[in-house]
Amino acid sequence: MRKGRIKKLLLWVGAAVLALLALLVYTFTPAKLDVAAYPAAVFKSPELNLSTLPETSLAVIECGKMMSKQVFVFRGGRWSEDYESGMAAVLVRHPKGTLLFDTGFGANVDEHVKTIPTLMRRLTTYDKETSAAAQLKAHGFEPGEIKMAIISHSHWDHVSGLEDLPQAEAWFSREEIDDIPKLPASELIKQMSDKLELHALDLNGPPYENFDRSLDLYQDGSIVLVPLPGHTPGSIGMFVNLRSGKRFFFIGDLTWALEGIELPAERPWVSRKLVDRDESQVRASIVRVHQLSERYPDLVVVPAHDRRVHNRIANFPDFEH
C-alpha cells in the first residue's frame, strides 16, 4: 500500500516537473506583442527647421562585446544562433559641449563583471576591446573635453567606463537616481557613487513625438531625452536630430536587438527575470517605440547592444553629420 502511494507521488512530481519544463520552453517560443491592445499613439511631432539646427555630429564607440545565444535576446530568437552584444558609448559633439550617452566597457571591466548575477555570467562570455577614454585619447580628445556623460540607466555595462572619465559629470534621470539603492543590478554604480557625484535630469518638458514628457537638452531641438521606463524605473532614450535630416533614437536596453522593436517582441521569461524591473512597463515602452518607428521609417532606432545597428552608423573616429 505504501509503495503504491510513493509511486503515485513520484508520478505527480514527475508530471509537475515536466509541466514546468514545458512552460519554460514555451517562454522561448516566438510571440509578438499585441500592439492593438495598447492605446493608439498620439504624436506631438517637432517642427524641425534643419537650417537652424546647430552643427551636431555623433559616432558610436565600440568598447567590448558579450556573446550569448539569440534565444535569450528576444522572443523568437534561435537556439542555434549566436548573438553578439556590442558594449558601446555614443559620442555626441554639439557647439555647447561634447558628451557621451552611456560609456560601454571601461578599462577595469574584469572587476566590474564580477558585480553581475552569477546566472548571467554563466550564460554569456565577454571580450574586452579598447575603452572609450583610451580611444578618445588616441584620437586627440583630452579627457577633460568630455564634460557630461548621460547614462540611459544604471546597469553595470552602461556605467563601466565612467571611472575612466573622472572629469565627466554623470547624469541620470531623477527617477533612476532615486531608485538606485533599490536596484539589485546596479551594484557597480553604487560602488562608484562613493567617488562620483550623480546629477539628476528632470524630464518634465512638453510632450515630444508620442512621449508625454521630454527634456530638450540645449533648447534647440538637436538632443531630446524621453522616458523609457520598465527595464529600470528611470531608463531614458535620446533623440539626436542632425542638420542633414538624419534622426537617431538611442533606446538603451529597452530591447537588446532591433527585432524587439520591429516585431515587436519582449525578452524571454528568463532574461526578463534577470534584468527587467517592471515587465508591463517594458511592454508598453516597446509598443510606443514600435509605433514611432512605424510612423518614421527613416528614423534610426538604436538598441544599446545591437552591434548590427551600430555598424550601420559611423564608428569613431568617423562621425555622422
C-alpha atoms as a PDB file:
ATOM      1  CA  MET A   1       0.000   0.000   0.000  1.00  0.00           C
ATOM      2  CA  ARG A   2       2.797   2.352   0.996  1.00  0.00           C
ATOM      3  CA  LYS A   3       4.750   1.559  -2.187  1.00  0.00           C
ATOM      4  CA  GLY A   4       1.668   2.438  -4.218  1.00  0.00           C
ATOM      5  CA  ARG A   5       1.429   5.849  -2.566  1.00  0.00           C
ATOM      6  CA  ILE A   6       5.114   6.548  -3.157  1.00  0.00           C
ATOM      7  CA  LYS A   7       4.763   5.542  -6.795  1.00  0.00           C
ATOM      8  CA  LYS A   8       1.740   7.831  -7.200  1.00  0.00           C
ATOM      9  CA  LEU A   9       3.611  10.699  -5.528  1.00  0.00           C
ATOM     10  CA  LEU A  10       6.585  10.226  -7.840  1.00  0.00           C
ATOM     11  CA  LEU A  11       4.279  10.262 -10.836  1.00  0.00           C
ATOM     12  CA  TRP A  12       2.718  13.530  -9.652  1.00  0.00           C
ATOM     13  CA  VAL A  13       6.152  15.081  -9.045  1.00  0.00           C
ATOM     14  CA  GLY A  14       7.368  13.915 -12.461  1.00  0.00           C
ATOM     15  CA  ALA A  15       4.283  15.363 -14.139  1.00  0.00           C
ATOM     16  CA  ALA A  16       4.763  18.682 -12.324  1.00  0.00           C
ATOM     17  CA  VAL A  17       8.417  18.871 -13.364  1.00  0.00           C
ATOM     18  CA  LEU A  18       7.539  18.121 -16.988  1.00  0.00           C
ATOM     19  CA  ALA A  19       4.820  20.765 -16.904  1.00  0.00           C
ATOM     20  CA  LEU A  20       7.246  23.341 -15.546  1.00  0.00           C
ATOM     21  CA  LEU A  21       9.819  22.432 -18.188  1.00  0.00           C
ATOM     22  CA  ALA A  22       7.196  22.719 -20.917  1.00  0.00           C
ATOM     23  CA  LEU A  23       6.183  26.125 -19.574  1.00  0.00           C
ATOM     24  CA  LEU A  24       9.814  27.278 -19.523  1.00  0.00           C
ATOM     25  CA  VAL A  25      10.368  26.108 -23.108  1.00  0.00           C
ATOM     26  CA  TYR A  26       7.170  27.900 -24.141  1.00  0.00           C
ATOM     27  CA  THR A  27       8.573  31.217 -22.895  1.00  0.00           C
ATOM     28  CA  PHE A  28      11.254  30.999 -25.603  1.00  0.00           C
ATOM     29  CA  THR A  29       8.804  30.436 -28.453  1.00  0.00           C
ATOM     30  CA  PRO A  30       8.069  33.285 -30.888  1.00  0.00           C
ATOM     31  CA  ALA A  31       5.437  35.707 -29.600  1.00  0.00           C
ATOM     32  CA  LYS A  32       4.732  39.238 -30.791  1.00  0.00           C
ATOM     33  CA  LEU A  33       3.312  41.899 -28.527  1.00  0.00           C
ATOM     34  CA  ASP A  34      -0.309  42.748 -29.336  1.00  0.00           C
ATOM     35  CA  VAL A  35       0.038  46.363 -30.463  1.00  0.00           C
ATOM     36  CA  ALA A  36      -3.728  46.703 -30.900  1.00  0.00           C
ATOM     37  CA  ALA A  37      -4.198  46.077 -27.173  1.00  0.00           C
ATOM     38  CA  TYR A  38      -2.427  49.375 -26.389  1.00  0.00           C
ATOM     39  CA  PRO A  39      -3.756  52.913 -26.860  1.00  0.00           C
ATOM     40  CA  ALA A  40      -3.299  54.426 -30.285  1.00  0.00           C
ATOM     41  CA  ALA A  41      -0.287  56.726 -30.397  1.00  0.00           C
ATOM     42  CA  VAL A  42      -0.851  60.475 -30.145  1.00  0.00           C
ATOM     43  CA  PHE A  43       2.027  62.383 -31.714  1.00  0.00           C
ATOM     44  CA  LYS A  44       3.306  65.862 -30.940  1.00  0.00           C
ATOM     45  CA  SER A  45       5.839  65.994 -33.744  1.00  0.00           C
ATOM     46  CA  PRO A  46       8.570  68.627 -33.524  1.00  0.00           C
ATOM     47  CA  GLU A  47       8.826  71.315 -36.165  1.00  0.00           C
ATOM     48  CA  LEU A  48      12.414  70.734 -37.158  1.00  0.00           C
ATOM     49  CA  ASN A  49      13.911  73.541 -39.209  1.00  0.00           C
ATOM     50  CA  LEU A  50      17.057  71.861 -40.463  1.00  0.00           C
ATOM     51  CA  SER A  51      18.718  75.129 -41.388  1.00  0.00           C
ATOM     52  CA  THR A  52      18.538  76.376 -37.790  1.00  0.00           C
ATOM     53  CA  LEU A  53      19.673  73.163 -36.099  1.00  0.00           C
ATOM     54  CA  PRO A  54      23.193  73.513 -34.685  1.00  0.00           C
ATOM     55  CA  GLU A  55      26.072  71.644 -36.277  1.00  0.00           C
ATOM     56  CA  THR A  56      25.849  68.425 -34.273  1.00  0.00           C
ATOM     57  CA  SER A  57      27.553  65.119 -35.046  1.00  0.00           C
ATOM     58  CA  LEU A  58      27.720  61.684 -33.475  1.00  0.00           C
ATOM     59  CA  ALA A  59      29.700  58.455 -33.506  1.00  0.00           C
ATOM     60  CA  VAL A  60      29.427  55.034 -31.902  1.00  0.00           C
ATOM     61  CA  ILE A  61      32.456  53.960 -29.853  1.00  0.00           C
ATOM     62  CA  GLU A  62      32.594  50.168 -29.530  1.00  0.00           C
ATOM     63  CA  CYS A  63      34.219  49.239 -26.225  1.00  0.00           C
ATOM     64  CA  GLY A  64      33.636  45.489 -25.953  1.00  0.00           C
ATOM     65  CA  LYS A  65      31.154  42.709 -26.601  1.00  0.00           C
ATOM     66  CA  MET A  66      29.321  39.882 -24.891  1.00  0.00           C
ATOM     67  CA  MET A  67      28.325  36.646 -26.582  1.00  0.00           C
ATOM     68  CA  SER A  68      25.184  34.647 -25.868  1.00  0.00           C
ATOM     69  CA  LYS A  69      22.502  32.768 -27.776  1.00  0.00           C
ATOM     70  CA  GLN A  70      19.928  34.735 -29.749  1.00  0.00           C
ATOM     71  CA  VAL A  71      17.135  32.861 -27.975  1.00  0.00           C
ATOM     72  CA  PHE A  72      17.895  34.806 -24.785  1.00  0.00           C
ATOM     73  CA  VAL A  73      17.679  38.173 -26.565  1.00  0.00           C
ATOM     74  CA  PHE A  74      14.083  38.310 -27.853  1.00  0.00           C
ATOM     75  CA  ARG A  75      11.045  36.047 -28.100  1.00  0.00           C
ATOM     76  CA  GLY A  76      11.572  34.195 -31.345  1.00  0.00           C
ATOM     77  CA  GLY A  77      15.365  34.178 -31.261  1.00  0.00           C
ATOM     78  CA  ARG A  78      17.050  30.930 -32.242  1.00  0.00           C
ATOM     79  CA  TRP A  79      18.928  28.480 -30.023  1.00  0.00           C
ATOM     80  CA  SER A  80      21.324  27.827 -32.903  1.00  0.00           C
ATOM     81  CA  GLU A  81      22.247  31.484 -33.495  1.00  0.00           C
ATOM     82  CA  ASP A  82      24.997  33.251 -31.575  1.00  0.00           C
ATOM     83  CA  TYR A  83      24.288  36.848 -30.641  1.00  0.00           C
ATOM     84  CA  GLU A  84      26.991  39.480 -30.297  1.00  0.00           C
ATOM     85  CA  SER A  85      26.037  42.284 -27.932  1.00  0.00           C
ATOM     86  CA  GLY A  86      28.015  45.458 -28.535  1.00  0.00           C
ATOM     87  CA  MET A  87      29.076  47.389 -25.451  1.00  0.00           C
ATOM     88  CA  ALA A  88      29.222  50.924 -26.760  1.00  0.00           C
ATOM     89  CA  ALA A  89      29.316  54.574 -25.891  1.00  0.00           C
ATOM     90  CA  VAL A  90      27.769  57.211 -28.145  1.00  0.00           C
ATOM     91  CA  LEU A  91      29.824  60.357 -28.650  1.00  0.00           C
ATOM     92  CA  VAL A  92      27.839  63.495 -29.497  1.00  0.00           C
ATOM     93  CA  ARG A  93      29.538  66.754 -30.458  1.00  0.00           C
ATOM     94  CA  HIS A  94      27.425  69.883 -30.022  1.00  0.00           C
ATOM     95  CA  PRO A  95      28.521  73.535 -30.128  1.00  0.00           C
ATOM     96  CA  LYS A  96      27.727  73.806 -26.410  1.00  0.00           C
ATOM     97  CA  GLY A  97      29.671  70.719 -25.394  1.00  0.00           C
ATOM     98  CA  THR A  98      30.776  67.175 -26.205  1.00  0.00           C
ATOM     99  CA  LEU A  99      29.009  64.390 -24.327  1.00  0.00           C
ATOM    100  CA  LEU A 100      28.707  60.634 -24.095  1.00  0.00           C
ATOM    101  CA  PHE A 101      25.475  58.672 -23.954  1.00  0.00           C
ATOM    102  CA  ASP A 102      26.416  55.585 -21.927  1.00  0.00           C
ATOM    103  CA  THR A 103      30.073  54.599 -21.551  1.00  0.00           C
ATOM    104  CA  GLY A 104      30.485  50.969 -22.636  1.00  0.00           C
ATOM    105  CA  PHE A 105      33.089  48.716 -21.042  1.00  0.00           C
ATOM    106  CA  GLY A 106      35.729  50.551 -19.053  1.00  0.00           C
ATOM    107  CA  ALA A 107      39.385  49.692 -18.598  1.00  0.00           C
ATOM    108  CA  ASN A 108      38.564  47.846 -15.360  1.00  0.00           C
ATOM    109  CA  VAL A 109      35.793  45.676 -16.807  1.00  0.00           C
ATOM    110  CA  ASP A 110      37.351  42.451 -15.457  1.00  0.00           C
ATOM    111  CA  GLU A 111      36.491  43.640 -11.964  1.00  0.00           C
ATOM    112  CA  HIS A 112      33.184  45.193 -12.963  1.00  0.00           C
ATOM    113  CA  VAL A 113      31.817  41.977 -14.472  1.00  0.00           C
ATOM    114  CA  LYS A 114      32.043  40.354 -11.041  1.00  0.00           C
ATOM    115  CA  THR A 115      29.131  42.537  -9.902  1.00  0.00           C
ATOM    116  CA  ILE A 116      26.564  40.924 -12.244  1.00  0.00           C
ATOM    117  CA  PRO A 117      24.334  37.950 -11.366  1.00  0.00           C
ATOM    118  CA  THR A 118      26.047  34.545 -11.459  1.00  0.00           C
ATOM    119  CA  LEU A 119      23.490  33.083 -13.881  1.00  0.00           C
ATOM    120  CA  MET A 120      24.128  35.891 -16.366  1.00  0.00           C
ATOM    121  CA  ARG A 121      27.862  35.278 -16.167  1.00  0.00           C
ATOM    122  CA  ARG A 122      27.252  31.595 -16.898  1.00  0.00           C
ATOM    123  CA  LEU A 123      25.024  32.339 -19.912  1.00  0.00           C
ATOM    124  CA  THR A 124      27.434  34.776 -21.580  1.00  0.00           C
ATOM    125  CA  THR A 125      31.087  35.375 -22.339  1.00  0.00           C
ATOM    126  CA  TYR A 126      32.696  38.757 -22.894  1.00  0.00           C
ATOM    127  CA  ASP A 127      35.589  40.245 -24.819  1.00  0.00           C
ATOM    128  CA  LYS A 128      37.325  43.446 -23.862  1.00  0.00           C
ATOM    129  CA  GLU A 129      38.041  45.952 -26.555  1.00  0.00           C
ATOM    130  CA  THR A 130      39.516  49.430 -26.086  1.00  0.00           C
ATOM    131  CA  SER A 131      37.730  51.670 -23.611  1.00  0.00           C
ATOM    132  CA  ALA A 132      36.053  54.865 -24.791  1.00  0.00           C
ATOM    133  CA  ALA A 133      38.505  57.003 -22.802  1.00  0.00           C
ATOM    134  CA  ALA A 134      41.518  55.301 -24.416  1.00  0.00           C
ATOM    135  CA  GLN A 135      40.053  55.613 -27.919  1.00  0.00           C
ATOM    136  CA  LEU A 136      39.253  59.274 -27.392  1.00  0.00           C
ATOM    137  CA  LYS A 137      42.771  59.984 -26.149  1.00  0.00           C
ATOM    138  CA  ALA A 138      44.301  58.100 -29.090  1.00  0.00           C
ATOM    139  CA  HIS A 139      42.455  60.396 -31.493  1.00  0.00           C
ATOM    140  CA  GLY A 140      43.323  63.683 -29.858  1.00  0.00           C
ATOM    141  CA  PHE A 141      40.493  64.152 -27.385  1.00  0.00           C
ATOM    142  CA  GLU A 142      41.718  65.266 -23.988  1.00  0.00           C
ATOM    143  CA  PRO A 143      39.861  63.594 -21.079  1.00  0.00           C
ATOM    144  CA  GLY A 144      38.613  66.962 -19.883  1.00  0.00           C
ATOM    145  CA  GLU A 145      36.781  67.610 -23.153  1.00  0.00           C
ATOM    146  CA  ILE A 146      34.021  65.203 -22.130  1.00  0.00           C
ATOM    147  CA  LYS A 147      32.175  67.215 -19.511  1.00  0.00           C
ATOM    148  CA  MET A 148      28.970  65.198 -19.455  1.00  0.00           C
ATOM    149  CA  ALA A 149      28.033  61.519 -19.569  1.00  0.00           C
ATOM    150  CA  ILE A 150      24.293  60.917 -19.851  1.00  0.00           C
ATOM    151  CA  ILE A 151      23.500  57.368 -18.763  1.00  0.00           C
ATOM    152  CA  SER A 152      20.454  55.579 -20.160  1.00  0.00           C
ATOM    153  CA  HIS A 153      20.161  53.538 -16.953  1.00  0.00           C
ATOM    154  CA  SER A 154      22.333  52.409 -14.077  1.00  0.00           C
ATOM    155  CA  HIS A 155      23.262  48.820 -15.017  1.00  0.00           C
ATOM    156  CA  TRP A 156      26.937  47.918 -14.869  1.00  0.00           C
ATOM    157  CA  ASP A 157      27.696  47.701 -18.593  1.00  0.00           C
ATOM    158  CA  HIS A 158      26.458  51.258 -19.167  1.00  0.00           C
ATOM    159  CA  VAL A 159      28.495  52.837 -16.366  1.00  0.00           C
ATOM    160  CA  SER A 160      31.686  50.736 -16.532  1.00  0.00           C
ATOM    161  CA  GLY A 161      33.593  53.442 -18.419  1.00  0.00           C
ATOM    162  CA  LEU A 162      32.663  56.260 -16.051  1.00  0.00           C
ATOM    163  CA  GLU A 163      35.662  55.839 -13.792  1.00  0.00           C
ATOM    164  CA  ASP A 164      37.967  56.341 -16.816  1.00  0.00           C
ATOM    165  CA  LEU A 165      36.483  59.816 -17.311  1.00  0.00           C
ATOM    166  CA  PRO A 166      36.841  61.467 -13.905  1.00  0.00           C
ATOM    167  CA  GLN A 167      36.124  64.970 -15.227  1.00  0.00           C
ATOM    168  CA  ALA A 168      32.825  63.960 -16.852  1.00  0.00           C
ATOM    169  CA  GLU A 169      29.702  64.573 -14.787  1.00  0.00           C
ATOM    170  CA  ALA A 170      27.428  61.522 -14.592  1.00  0.00           C
ATOM    171  CA  TRP A 171      23.788  62.375 -15.364  1.00  0.00           C
ATOM    172  CA  PHE A 172      20.810  60.062 -14.806  1.00  0.00           C
ATOM    173  CA  SER A 173      17.095  60.698 -14.760  1.00  0.00           C
ATOM    174  CA  ARG A 174      15.902  61.752 -11.325  1.00  0.00           C
ATOM    175  CA  GLU A 175      13.740  58.595 -11.157  1.00  0.00           C
ATOM    176  CA  GLU A 176      16.816  56.449 -11.748  1.00  0.00           C
ATOM    177  CA  ILE A 177      18.882  58.164  -9.067  1.00  0.00           C
ATOM    178  CA  ASP A 178      16.049  57.836  -6.565  1.00  0.00           C
ATOM    179  CA  ASP A 179      15.778  54.113  -7.245  1.00  0.00           C
ATOM    180  CA  ILE A 180      19.442  53.094  -7.484  1.00  0.00           C
ATOM    181  CA  PRO A 181      19.587  51.974  -3.820  1.00  0.00           C
ATOM    182  CA  LYS A 182      16.754  49.503  -4.553  1.00  0.00           C
ATOM    183  CA  LEU A 183      18.142  48.117  -7.824  1.00  0.00           C
ATOM    184  CA  PRO A 184      19.972  44.806  -7.345  1.00  0.00           C
ATOM    185  CA  ALA A 185      21.518  45.033 -10.829  1.00  0.00           C
ATOM    186  CA  SER A 186      23.084  48.434 -10.103  1.00  0.00           C
ATOM    187  CA  GLU A 187      25.764  47.288  -7.673  1.00  0.00           C
ATOM    188  CA  LEU A 188      28.598  48.817  -9.711  1.00  0.00           C
ATOM    189  CA  ILE A 189      27.179  52.347  -9.734  1.00  0.00           C
ATOM    190  CA  LYS A 190      26.513  52.017  -6.007  1.00  0.00           C
ATOM    191  CA  GLN A 191      30.222  51.322  -5.562  1.00  0.00           C
ATOM    192  CA  MET A 192      31.200  54.148  -7.922  1.00  0.00           C
ATOM    193  CA  SER A 193      28.894  56.677  -6.267  1.00  0.00           C
ATOM    194  CA  ASP A 194      31.349  56.901  -3.375  1.00  0.00           C
ATOM    195  CA  LYS A 195      33.731  58.622  -5.796  1.00  0.00           C
ATOM    196  CA  LEU A 196      31.304  60.100  -8.336  1.00  0.00           C
ATOM    197  CA  GLU A 197      28.698  62.778  -7.862  1.00  0.00           C
ATOM    198  CA  LEU A 198      25.485  61.741  -9.614  1.00  0.00           C
ATOM    199  CA  HIS A 199      23.491  64.541 -11.260  1.00  0.00           C
ATOM    200  CA  ALA A 200      19.739  64.415 -11.844  1.00  0.00           C
ATOM    201  CA  LEU A 201      17.927  65.128 -15.118  1.00  0.00           C
ATOM    202  CA  ASP A 202      14.303  66.249 -14.845  1.00  0.00           C
ATOM    203  CA  LEU A 203      12.364  65.148 -17.911  1.00  0.00           C
ATOM    204  CA  ASN A 204       9.459  67.467 -17.218  1.00  0.00           C
ATOM    205  CA  GLY A 205       9.316  69.313 -20.513  1.00  0.00           C
ATOM    206  CA  PRO A 206       6.463  69.197 -23.040  1.00  0.00           C
ATOM    207  CA  PRO A 207       5.253  66.129 -24.991  1.00  0.00           C
ATOM    208  CA  TYR A 208       7.593  65.049 -27.767  1.00  0.00           C
ATOM    209  CA  GLU A 209       6.520  62.688 -30.549  1.00  0.00           C
ATOM    210  CA  ASN A 210       4.441  60.044 -28.731  1.00  0.00           C
ATOM    211  CA  PHE A 211       6.072  60.629 -25.337  1.00  0.00           C
ATOM    212  CA  ASP A 212       4.168  62.576 -22.719  1.00  0.00           C
ATOM    213  CA  ARG A 213       7.222  64.481 -21.454  1.00  0.00           C
ATOM    214  CA  SER A 214      10.760  65.271 -22.523  1.00  0.00           C
ATOM    215  CA  LEU A 215      13.925  67.280 -21.956  1.00  0.00           C
ATOM    216  CA  ASP A 216      15.344  69.324 -24.829  1.00  0.00           C
ATOM    217  CA  LEU A 217      18.898  69.342 -23.535  1.00  0.00           C
ATOM    218  CA  TYR A 218      20.094  72.546 -25.212  1.00  0.00           C
ATOM    219  CA  GLN A 219      16.684  74.012 -26.083  1.00  0.00           C
ATOM    220  CA  ASP A 220      17.467  73.881 -29.796  1.00  0.00           C
ATOM    221  CA  GLY A 221      15.852  70.608 -30.945  1.00  0.00           C
ATOM    222  CA  SER A 222      19.116  68.748 -31.531  1.00  0.00           C
ATOM    223  CA  ILE A 223      19.231  66.452 -28.476  1.00  0.00           C
ATOM    224  CA  VAL A 224      15.995  65.418 -26.772  1.00  0.00           C
ATOM    225  CA  LEU A 225      15.671  62.970 -23.889  1.00  0.00           C
ATOM    226  CA  VAL A 226      12.477  60.985 -23.208  1.00  0.00           C
ATOM    227  CA  PRO A 227      11.430  58.424 -20.562  1.00  0.00           C
ATOM    228  CA  LEU A 228      11.536  54.699 -21.389  1.00  0.00           C
ATOM    229  CA  PRO A 229      10.588  53.100 -18.055  1.00  0.00           C
ATOM    230  CA  GLY A 230      10.433  49.400 -17.319  1.00  0.00           C
ATOM    231  CA  HIS A 231      13.898  47.914 -17.680  1.00  0.00           C
ATOM    232  CA  THR A 232      14.690  50.210 -14.768  1.00  0.00           C
ATOM    233  CA  PRO A 233      12.312  52.839 -13.339  1.00  0.00           C
ATOM    234  CA  GLY A 234      14.270  55.749 -14.751  1.00  0.00           C
ATOM    235  CA  SER A 235      15.524  54.406 -18.078  1.00  0.00           C
ATOM    236  CA  ILE A 236      15.711  57.088 -20.762  1.00  0.00           C
ATOM    237  CA  GLY A 237      16.178  57.334 -24.517  1.00  0.00           C
ATOM    238  CA  MET A 238      17.918  60.018 -26.562  1.00  0.00           C
ATOM    239  CA  PHE A 239      16.871  61.535 -29.889  1.00  0.00           C
ATOM    240  CA  VAL A 240      19.629  63.191 -31.919  1.00  0.00           C
ATOM    241  CA  ASN A 241      18.476  65.343 -34.838  1.00  0.00           C
ATOM    242  CA  LEU A 242      21.190  66.347 -37.307  1.00  0.00           C
ATOM    243  CA  ARG A 243      21.180  69.244 -39.743  1.00  0.00           C
ATOM    244  CA  SER A 244      21.463  66.766 -42.626  1.00  0.00           C
ATOM    245  CA  GLY A 245      17.973  65.484 -41.768  1.00  0.00           C
ATOM    246  CA  LYS A 246      19.201  62.241 -40.203  1.00  0.00           C
ATOM    247  CA  ARG A 247      17.417  61.286 -36.994  1.00  0.00           C
ATOM    248  CA  PHE A 248      18.609  58.760 -34.432  1.00  0.00           C
ATOM    249  CA  PHE A 249      16.858  57.358 -31.373  1.00  0.00           C
ATOM    250  CA  PHE A 250      19.068  55.601 -28.829  1.00  0.00           C
ATOM    251  CA  ILE A 251      16.846  53.399 -26.652  1.00  0.00           C
ATOM    252  CA  GLY A 252      19.241  51.908 -24.100  1.00  0.00           C
ATOM    253  CA  ASP A 253      18.199  48.407 -23.025  1.00  0.00           C
ATOM    254  CA  LEU A 254      14.504  48.703 -23.781  1.00  0.00           C
ATOM    255  CA  THR A 255      15.262  45.862 -26.197  1.00  0.00           C
ATOM    256  CA  TRP A 256      18.608  44.221 -26.793  1.00  0.00           C
ATOM    257  CA  ALA A 257      18.005  43.720 -30.511  1.00  0.00           C
ATOM    258  CA  LEU A 258      16.199  45.681 -33.204  1.00  0.00           C
ATOM    259  CA  GLU A 259      13.829  42.719 -33.682  1.00  0.00           C
ATOM    260  CA  GLY A 260      12.368  43.641 -30.303  1.00  0.00           C
ATOM    261  CA  ILE A 261      11.089  46.887 -31.841  1.00  0.00           C
ATOM    262  CA  GLU A 262      10.317  45.676 -35.351  1.00  0.00           C
ATOM    263  CA  LEU A 263       8.279  42.573 -34.443  1.00  0.00           C
ATOM    264  CA  PRO A 264       7.659  43.849 -31.659  1.00  0.00           C
ATOM    265  CA  ALA A 265       8.728  41.303 -29.025  1.00  0.00           C
ATOM    266  CA  GLU A 266       9.945  41.308 -25.449  1.00  0.00           C
ATOM    267  CA  ARG A 267      12.791  39.316 -23.931  1.00  0.00           C
ATOM    268  CA  PRO A 268      12.041  35.688 -22.963  1.00  0.00           C
ATOM    269  CA  TRP A 269      10.986  34.984 -19.383  1.00  0.00           C
ATOM    270  CA  VAL A 270      14.434  34.024 -18.028  1.00  0.00           C
ATOM    271  CA  SER A 271      16.039  37.193 -19.382  1.00  0.00           C
ATOM    272  CA  ARG A 272      13.189  39.373 -18.133  1.00  0.00           C
ATOM    273  CA  LYS A 273      13.508  37.981 -14.632  1.00  0.00           C
ATOM    274  CA  LEU A 274      17.228  38.676 -14.639  1.00  0.00           C
ATOM    275  CA  VAL A 275      17.145  42.268 -15.861  1.00  0.00           C
ATOM    276  CA  ASP A 276      13.697  43.909 -16.095  1.00  0.00           C
ATOM    277  CA  ARG A 277      12.211  45.741 -13.123  1.00  0.00           C
ATOM    278  CA  ASP A 278       8.656  46.143 -14.472  1.00  0.00           C
ATOM    279  CA  GLU A 279       7.719  43.859 -17.365  1.00  0.00           C
ATOM    280  CA  SER A 280       4.401  45.579 -18.107  1.00  0.00           C
ATOM    281  CA  GLN A 281       6.162  48.953 -18.425  1.00  0.00           C
ATOM    282  CA  VAL A 282       8.751  47.405 -20.730  1.00  0.00           C
ATOM    283  CA  ARG A 283       5.983  46.105 -22.999  1.00  0.00           C
ATOM    284  CA  ALA A 284       4.252  49.497 -23.085  1.00  0.00           C
ATOM    285  CA  SER A 285       7.544  51.254 -23.881  1.00  0.00           C
ATOM    286  CA  ILE A 286       8.357  48.744 -26.638  1.00  0.00           C
ATOM    287  CA  VAL A 287       4.957  49.318 -28.243  1.00  0.00           C
ATOM    288  CA  ARG A 288       5.469  53.091 -28.015  1.00  0.00           C
ATOM    289  CA  VAL A 289       8.799  52.870 -29.874  1.00  0.00           C
ATOM    290  CA  HIS A 290       7.323  50.402 -32.375  1.00  0.00           C
ATOM    291  CA  GLN A 291       4.557  52.921 -33.141  1.00  0.00           C
ATOM    292  CA  LEU A 292       7.173  55.638 -33.512  1.00  0.00           C
ATOM    293  CA  SER A 293       9.266  53.574 -35.933  1.00  0.00           C
ATOM    294  CA  GLU A 294       6.167  52.758 -37.978  1.00  0.00           C
ATOM    295  CA  ARG A 295       5.432  56.478 -38.322  1.00  0.00           C
ATOM    296  CA  TYR A 296       9.026  57.381 -39.222  1.00  0.00           C
ATOM    297  CA  PRO A 297      10.602  54.606 -41.349  1.00  0.00           C
ATOM    298  CA  ASP A 298      13.803  56.652 -41.746  1.00  0.00           C
ATOM    299  CA  LEU A 299      14.307  57.077 -38.001  1.00  0.00           C
ATOM    300  CA  VAL A 300      17.347  55.021 -36.941  1.00  0.00           C
ATOM    301  CA  VAL A 301      16.354  53.203 -33.748  1.00  0.00           C
ATOM    302  CA  VAL A 302      19.465  52.058 -31.891  1.00  0.00           C
ATOM    303  CA  PRO A 303      19.283  49.447 -29.110  1.00  0.00           C
ATOM    304  CA  ALA A 304      22.326  49.825 -26.871  1.00  0.00           C
ATOM    305  CA  HIS A 305      23.608  46.308 -27.583  1.00  0.00           C
ATOM    306  CA  ASP A 306      22.710  45.604 -31.220  1.00  0.00           C
ATOM    307  CA  ARG A 307      26.094  45.726 -32.924  1.00  0.00           C
ATOM    308  CA  ARG A 308      24.463  45.106 -36.301  1.00  0.00           C
ATOM    309  CA  VAL A 309      22.774  48.509 -35.943  1.00  0.00           C
ATOM    310  CA  HIS A 310      25.949  50.099 -34.547  1.00  0.00           C
ATOM    311  CA  ASN A 311      27.771  49.008 -37.701  1.00  0.00           C
ATOM    312  CA  ARG A 312      25.290  50.937 -39.862  1.00  0.00           C
ATOM    313  CA  ILE A 313      26.262  54.136 -38.048  1.00  0.00           C
ATOM    314  CA  ALA A 314      29.598  55.942 -38.215  1.00  0.00           C
ATOM    315  CA  ASN A 315      32.009  54.305 -35.787  1.00  0.00           C
ATOM    316  CA  PHE A 316      34.548  56.555 -34.076  1.00  0.00           C
ATOM    317  CA  PRO A 317      36.737  58.227 -35.279  1.00  0.00           C
ATOM    318  CA  ASP A 318      34.246  58.722 -38.142  1.00  0.00           C
ATOM    319  CA  PHE A 319      31.143  60.815 -37.490  1.00  0.00           C
ATOM    320  CA  GLU A 320      27.572  61.160 -38.701  1.00  0.00           C
ATOM    321  CA  HIS A 321      26.740  64.767 -39.669  1.00  0.00           C
END
